N, C-alpha and C. Protein backbone atom coordinates (compact mmCIF):
# COMPACT_ATOMS: atom_id res chain seq x y z
N UNK A 1 84.58 79.00 95.95
CA UNK A 1 83.97 80.28 96.26
C UNK A 1 82.75 80.43 95.36
N UNK A 2 81.62 80.81 95.94
CA UNK A 2 80.41 81.07 95.16
C UNK A 2 79.90 82.44 95.54
N UNK A 3 79.64 83.23 94.51
CA UNK A 3 79.13 84.58 94.72
C UNK A 3 77.81 84.68 93.97
N UNK A 4 76.71 84.68 94.70
CA UNK A 4 75.40 84.79 94.07
C UNK A 4 75.15 86.24 93.68
N UNK A 5 74.66 86.44 92.47
CA UNK A 5 74.37 87.79 92.02
C UNK A 5 74.06 87.82 90.54
N UNK A 6 74.16 89.01 89.95
CA UNK A 6 73.77 89.19 88.55
C UNK A 6 74.81 88.74 87.53
N UNK A 7 75.94 88.22 88.00
CA UNK A 7 77.01 87.82 87.09
C UNK A 7 77.29 86.33 87.16
N UNK A 8 77.55 85.74 86.00
CA UNK A 8 78.10 84.39 85.91
C UNK A 8 79.57 84.58 85.57
N UNK A 9 80.46 84.03 86.39
CA UNK A 9 81.88 84.27 86.24
C UNK A 9 82.60 82.94 86.12
N UNK A 10 83.44 82.85 85.10
CA UNK A 10 84.24 81.64 84.92
C UNK A 10 85.71 82.00 84.76
N UNK A 11 86.57 81.17 85.30
CA UNK A 11 88.01 81.33 85.15
C UNK A 11 88.44 80.32 84.08
N UNK A 12 89.04 80.83 83.00
CA UNK A 12 89.38 79.99 81.86
C UNK A 12 90.89 79.95 81.68
N UNK A 13 91.45 78.73 81.59
CA UNK A 13 92.86 78.57 81.25
C UNK A 13 92.99 78.73 79.74
N UNK A 14 93.82 79.70 79.32
CA UNK A 14 93.99 79.98 77.91
C UNK A 14 94.96 78.98 77.28
N UNK A 15 94.77 78.62 76.00
CA UNK A 15 95.63 77.64 75.33
C UNK A 15 97.12 78.01 75.34
N UNK A 16 97.45 79.28 75.17
CA UNK A 16 98.84 79.71 75.13
C UNK A 16 99.41 80.00 76.51
N UNK A 17 98.70 79.68 77.54
CA UNK A 17 99.11 80.00 78.90
C UNK A 17 98.33 81.18 79.42
N UNK A 18 98.39 81.39 80.68
CA UNK A 18 97.63 82.47 81.31
C UNK A 18 96.19 82.06 81.55
N UNK A 19 95.47 82.98 82.11
CA UNK A 19 94.07 82.75 82.43
C UNK A 19 93.27 83.99 82.08
N UNK A 20 91.97 83.81 81.99
CA UNK A 20 91.08 84.95 81.79
C UNK A 20 89.78 84.71 82.55
N UNK A 21 89.17 85.80 82.94
CA UNK A 21 87.84 85.76 83.53
C UNK A 21 86.84 85.97 82.41
N UNK A 22 85.82 85.14 82.36
CA UNK A 22 84.73 85.32 81.40
C UNK A 22 83.49 85.65 82.22
N UNK A 23 82.93 86.81 81.95
CA UNK A 23 81.82 87.33 82.75
C UNK A 23 80.60 87.53 81.86
N UNK A 24 79.50 86.94 82.27
CA UNK A 24 78.22 87.11 81.59
C UNK A 24 77.19 87.55 82.61
N UNK A 25 76.20 88.28 82.15
CA UNK A 25 75.08 88.66 83.02
C UNK A 25 74.06 87.53 83.02
N UNK A 26 73.45 87.29 84.16
CA UNK A 26 72.45 86.22 84.25
C UNK A 26 71.21 86.59 83.46
N UNK A 27 70.46 85.57 83.06
CA UNK A 27 69.21 85.79 82.32
C UNK A 27 68.23 86.63 83.14
N UNK A 28 68.17 86.35 84.43
CA UNK A 28 67.25 87.09 85.31
C UNK A 28 67.62 88.57 85.32
N UNK A 29 68.91 88.88 85.42
CA UNK A 29 69.36 90.27 85.45
C UNK A 29 69.06 90.96 84.11
N UNK A 30 69.32 90.28 83.01
CA UNK A 30 69.08 90.88 81.68
C UNK A 30 67.60 91.18 81.46
N UNK A 31 66.73 90.40 82.09
CA UNK A 31 65.29 90.58 81.90
C UNK A 31 64.72 91.76 82.68
N UNK A 32 65.48 92.29 83.63
CA UNK A 32 64.99 93.41 84.44
C UNK A 32 64.94 94.70 83.63
N UNK A 33 64.02 95.62 83.98
CA UNK A 33 64.04 96.95 83.38
C UNK A 33 65.36 97.66 83.75
N UNK A 34 65.81 98.57 82.91
CA UNK A 34 67.12 99.22 83.09
C UNK A 34 67.26 99.87 84.46
N UNK A 35 66.24 100.58 84.93
CA UNK A 35 66.35 101.25 86.23
C UNK A 35 66.44 100.24 87.37
N UNK A 36 65.80 99.13 87.23
CA UNK A 36 65.84 98.08 88.26
C UNK A 36 67.20 97.38 88.25
N UNK A 37 67.77 97.19 87.06
CA UNK A 37 69.10 96.56 86.97
C UNK A 37 70.13 97.34 87.77
N UNK A 38 70.10 98.66 87.66
CA UNK A 38 71.07 99.49 88.38
C UNK A 38 70.93 99.29 89.89
N UNK A 39 69.71 99.27 90.39
CA UNK A 39 69.48 99.08 91.83
C UNK A 39 69.93 97.70 92.27
N UNK A 40 69.63 96.68 91.49
CA UNK A 40 70.04 95.32 91.83
C UNK A 40 71.57 95.21 91.83
N UNK A 41 72.22 95.86 90.88
CA UNK A 41 73.68 95.79 90.80
C UNK A 41 74.33 96.52 91.97
N UNK A 42 73.79 97.67 92.36
CA UNK A 42 74.32 98.39 93.53
C UNK A 42 74.16 97.54 94.79
N UNK A 43 73.04 96.86 94.92
CA UNK A 43 72.82 95.97 96.07
C UNK A 43 73.84 94.82 96.05
N UNK A 44 74.11 94.29 94.88
CA UNK A 44 75.11 93.23 94.72
C UNK A 44 76.48 93.71 95.21
N UNK A 45 76.86 94.92 94.84
CA UNK A 45 78.14 95.48 95.29
C UNK A 45 78.19 95.57 96.81
N UNK A 46 77.12 96.04 97.43
CA UNK A 46 77.08 96.14 98.90
C UNK A 46 77.20 94.77 99.56
N UNK A 47 76.47 93.79 99.04
CA UNK A 47 76.54 92.44 99.61
C UNK A 47 77.93 91.85 99.44
N UNK A 48 78.53 92.07 98.30
CA UNK A 48 79.87 91.56 98.03
C UNK A 48 80.89 92.18 98.99
N UNK A 49 80.80 93.48 99.20
CA UNK A 49 81.70 94.16 100.15
C UNK A 49 81.53 93.59 101.55
N UNK A 50 80.30 93.34 101.97
CA UNK A 50 80.04 92.78 103.29
C UNK A 50 80.63 91.38 103.41
N UNK A 51 80.44 90.56 102.38
CA UNK A 51 80.98 89.21 102.40
C UNK A 51 82.51 89.22 102.46
N UNK A 52 83.12 90.12 101.72
CA UNK A 52 84.58 90.21 101.70
C UNK A 52 85.11 90.59 103.08
N UNK A 53 84.51 91.57 103.70
CA UNK A 53 84.97 92.03 105.02
C UNK A 53 84.85 90.94 106.08
N UNK A 54 83.95 90.00 105.88
CA UNK A 54 83.75 88.93 106.86
C UNK A 54 84.82 87.84 106.76
N UNK A 55 85.61 87.85 105.70
CA UNK A 55 86.63 86.82 105.50
C UNK A 55 87.98 87.27 106.04
N UNK A 56 88.82 86.32 106.45
CA UNK A 56 90.17 86.67 106.90
C UNK A 56 90.96 87.35 105.78
N UNK A 57 91.84 88.28 106.15
CA UNK A 57 92.60 89.05 105.16
C UNK A 57 93.43 88.18 104.24
N UNK A 58 93.90 87.02 104.72
CA UNK A 58 94.76 86.18 103.90
C UNK A 58 93.99 85.08 103.16
N UNK A 59 92.67 85.15 103.17
CA UNK A 59 91.83 84.15 102.53
C UNK A 59 91.91 84.25 101.00
N UNK A 60 92.08 83.10 100.35
CA UNK A 60 92.06 83.08 98.87
C UNK A 60 90.69 83.48 98.36
N UNK A 61 89.63 83.09 99.06
CA UNK A 61 88.29 83.50 98.66
C UNK A 61 88.17 85.01 98.70
N UNK A 62 88.72 85.63 99.74
CA UNK A 62 88.67 87.09 99.85
C UNK A 62 89.40 87.74 98.67
N UNK A 63 90.54 87.20 98.30
CA UNK A 63 91.29 87.75 97.18
C UNK A 63 90.51 87.63 95.88
N UNK A 64 89.92 86.47 95.66
CA UNK A 64 89.11 86.28 94.45
C UNK A 64 87.89 87.18 94.42
N UNK A 65 87.23 87.30 95.56
CA UNK A 65 86.05 88.16 95.63
C UNK A 65 86.43 89.63 95.45
N UNK A 66 87.62 90.02 95.91
CA UNK A 66 88.07 91.40 95.73
C UNK A 66 88.27 91.71 94.26
N UNK A 67 88.73 90.74 93.49
CA UNK A 67 88.88 90.93 92.04
C UNK A 67 87.52 91.15 91.40
N UNK A 68 86.55 90.34 91.80
CA UNK A 68 85.19 90.48 91.25
C UNK A 68 84.60 91.83 91.67
N UNK A 69 84.85 92.25 92.89
CA UNK A 69 84.36 93.55 93.35
C UNK A 69 84.93 94.68 92.50
N UNK A 70 86.23 94.63 92.23
CA UNK A 70 86.86 95.66 91.42
C UNK A 70 86.24 95.70 90.03
N UNK A 71 86.05 94.55 89.44
CA UNK A 71 85.43 94.48 88.12
C UNK A 71 83.99 95.00 88.16
N UNK A 72 83.24 94.60 89.18
CA UNK A 72 81.85 95.03 89.30
C UNK A 72 81.75 96.54 89.49
N UNK A 73 82.67 97.12 90.22
CA UNK A 73 82.68 98.58 90.39
C UNK A 73 82.88 99.28 89.04
N UNK A 74 83.69 98.69 88.19
CA UNK A 74 83.92 99.26 86.85
C UNK A 74 82.69 99.12 85.97
N UNK A 75 81.90 98.10 86.20
CA UNK A 75 80.70 97.86 85.39
C UNK A 75 79.51 98.72 85.82
N UNK A 76 79.52 99.19 87.05
CA UNK A 76 78.36 99.92 87.57
C UNK A 76 77.99 101.16 86.73
N UNK A 77 78.92 102.07 86.41
CA UNK A 77 78.50 103.25 85.64
C UNK A 77 77.84 102.93 84.29
N UNK A 78 78.38 102.01 83.48
CA UNK A 78 77.66 101.73 82.23
C UNK A 78 76.33 101.02 82.45
N UNK A 79 76.19 100.28 83.55
CA UNK A 79 74.90 99.67 83.86
C UNK A 79 73.91 100.76 84.25
N UNK A 80 74.34 101.69 85.09
CA UNK A 80 73.46 102.79 85.50
C UNK A 80 73.02 103.62 84.30
N UNK A 81 73.91 103.81 83.34
CA UNK A 81 73.59 104.61 82.15
C UNK A 81 72.92 103.78 81.05
N UNK A 82 72.73 102.49 81.30
CA UNK A 82 72.16 101.56 80.33
C UNK A 82 72.95 101.62 79.01
N UNK A 83 74.27 101.59 79.15
CA UNK A 83 75.17 101.69 77.99
C UNK A 83 76.04 100.45 77.83
N UNK A 84 75.56 99.31 78.26
CA UNK A 84 76.35 98.08 78.16
C UNK A 84 75.49 97.00 77.53
N UNK A 85 76.09 96.25 76.63
CA UNK A 85 75.39 95.15 75.97
C UNK A 85 75.39 93.96 76.91
N UNK A 86 74.26 93.65 77.47
CA UNK A 86 74.16 92.59 78.46
C UNK A 86 74.25 91.19 77.85
N UNK A 87 74.23 91.12 76.53
CA UNK A 87 74.34 89.83 75.84
C UNK A 87 75.79 89.44 75.58
N UNK A 88 76.70 90.38 75.68
CA UNK A 88 78.12 90.13 75.39
C UNK A 88 78.82 89.49 76.58
N UNK A 89 79.79 88.64 76.30
CA UNK A 89 80.66 88.10 77.33
C UNK A 89 81.82 89.06 77.51
N UNK A 90 82.09 89.42 78.74
CA UNK A 90 83.23 90.29 79.07
C UNK A 90 84.40 89.37 79.39
N UNK A 91 85.51 89.58 78.70
CA UNK A 91 86.70 88.76 78.91
C UNK A 91 87.80 89.65 79.48
N UNK A 92 88.32 89.25 80.63
CA UNK A 92 89.39 90.00 81.30
C UNK A 92 90.62 89.09 81.34
N UNK A 93 91.65 89.48 80.61
CA UNK A 93 92.88 88.69 80.59
C UNK A 93 93.63 88.87 81.90
N UNK A 94 94.21 87.78 82.38
CA UNK A 94 94.94 87.81 83.63
C UNK A 94 96.38 87.38 83.43
N UNK A 95 96.94 87.71 82.28
CA UNK A 95 98.32 87.36 81.98
C UNK A 95 99.29 88.17 82.81
N UNK A 96 100.59 87.92 82.63
CA UNK A 96 101.64 88.54 83.42
C UNK A 96 101.56 90.04 83.54
N UNK A 97 101.33 90.77 82.45
CA UNK A 97 101.35 92.23 82.50
C UNK A 97 99.96 92.82 82.68
N UNK A 98 98.94 91.98 82.72
CA UNK A 98 97.57 92.49 82.83
C UNK A 98 97.35 93.12 84.20
N UNK A 99 96.69 94.27 84.26
CA UNK A 99 96.44 94.93 85.54
C UNK A 99 95.71 94.04 86.54
N UNK A 100 94.84 93.17 86.06
CA UNK A 100 94.09 92.31 86.97
C UNK A 100 95.01 91.34 87.70
N UNK A 101 96.12 90.98 87.06
CA UNK A 101 97.08 90.09 87.72
C UNK A 101 97.62 90.73 88.98
N UNK A 102 97.78 92.05 88.97
CA UNK A 102 98.25 92.76 90.15
C UNK A 102 97.24 92.68 91.29
N UNK A 103 95.96 92.63 90.95
CA UNK A 103 94.93 92.53 91.99
C UNK A 103 95.00 91.21 92.72
N UNK A 104 95.56 90.19 92.07
CA UNK A 104 95.71 88.90 92.74
C UNK A 104 96.68 88.98 93.90
N UNK A 105 97.57 89.99 93.87
CA UNK A 105 98.59 90.12 94.90
C UNK A 105 98.21 91.11 95.99
N UNK A 106 97.08 91.76 95.87
CA UNK A 106 96.73 92.79 96.84
C UNK A 106 95.23 92.76 97.12
N UNK A 107 94.85 93.41 98.18
CA UNK A 107 93.44 93.51 98.53
C UNK A 107 93.16 94.97 98.89
N UNK A 108 93.56 95.87 98.01
CA UNK A 108 93.39 97.30 98.25
C UNK A 108 92.03 97.81 97.78
N UNK A 109 91.12 96.93 97.37
CA UNK A 109 89.87 97.39 96.82
C UNK A 109 88.86 97.80 97.89
N UNK A 110 89.10 97.45 99.13
CA UNK A 110 88.19 97.84 100.20
C UNK A 110 88.76 99.04 100.95
N UNK A 111 87.96 100.03 101.09
CA UNK A 111 88.41 101.27 101.76
C UNK A 111 87.85 101.35 103.16
């Protein structure tokens, strides 16, 4: 699955077991003025939603993209307010009790 946009996303197997998502903003996105970043990110969300809807409901790609959509929706407000450090890597644990693990079992992110 490849999702072009302002995020670089990697799935990392943790040494003690479990997995985590490592999310970084692309260099191109970080170089944009703050007001432009918000518009680009909103467009990314729209494109991602469209791509997800085009996939079969039981598609693994759809499930993975739905996780990214949920994360991106959470990132939008701090991006709009220019209150997020774009140089930091965002790490989302996907262990047994982690809320993101539940998203792997459902696709309720599309309304």
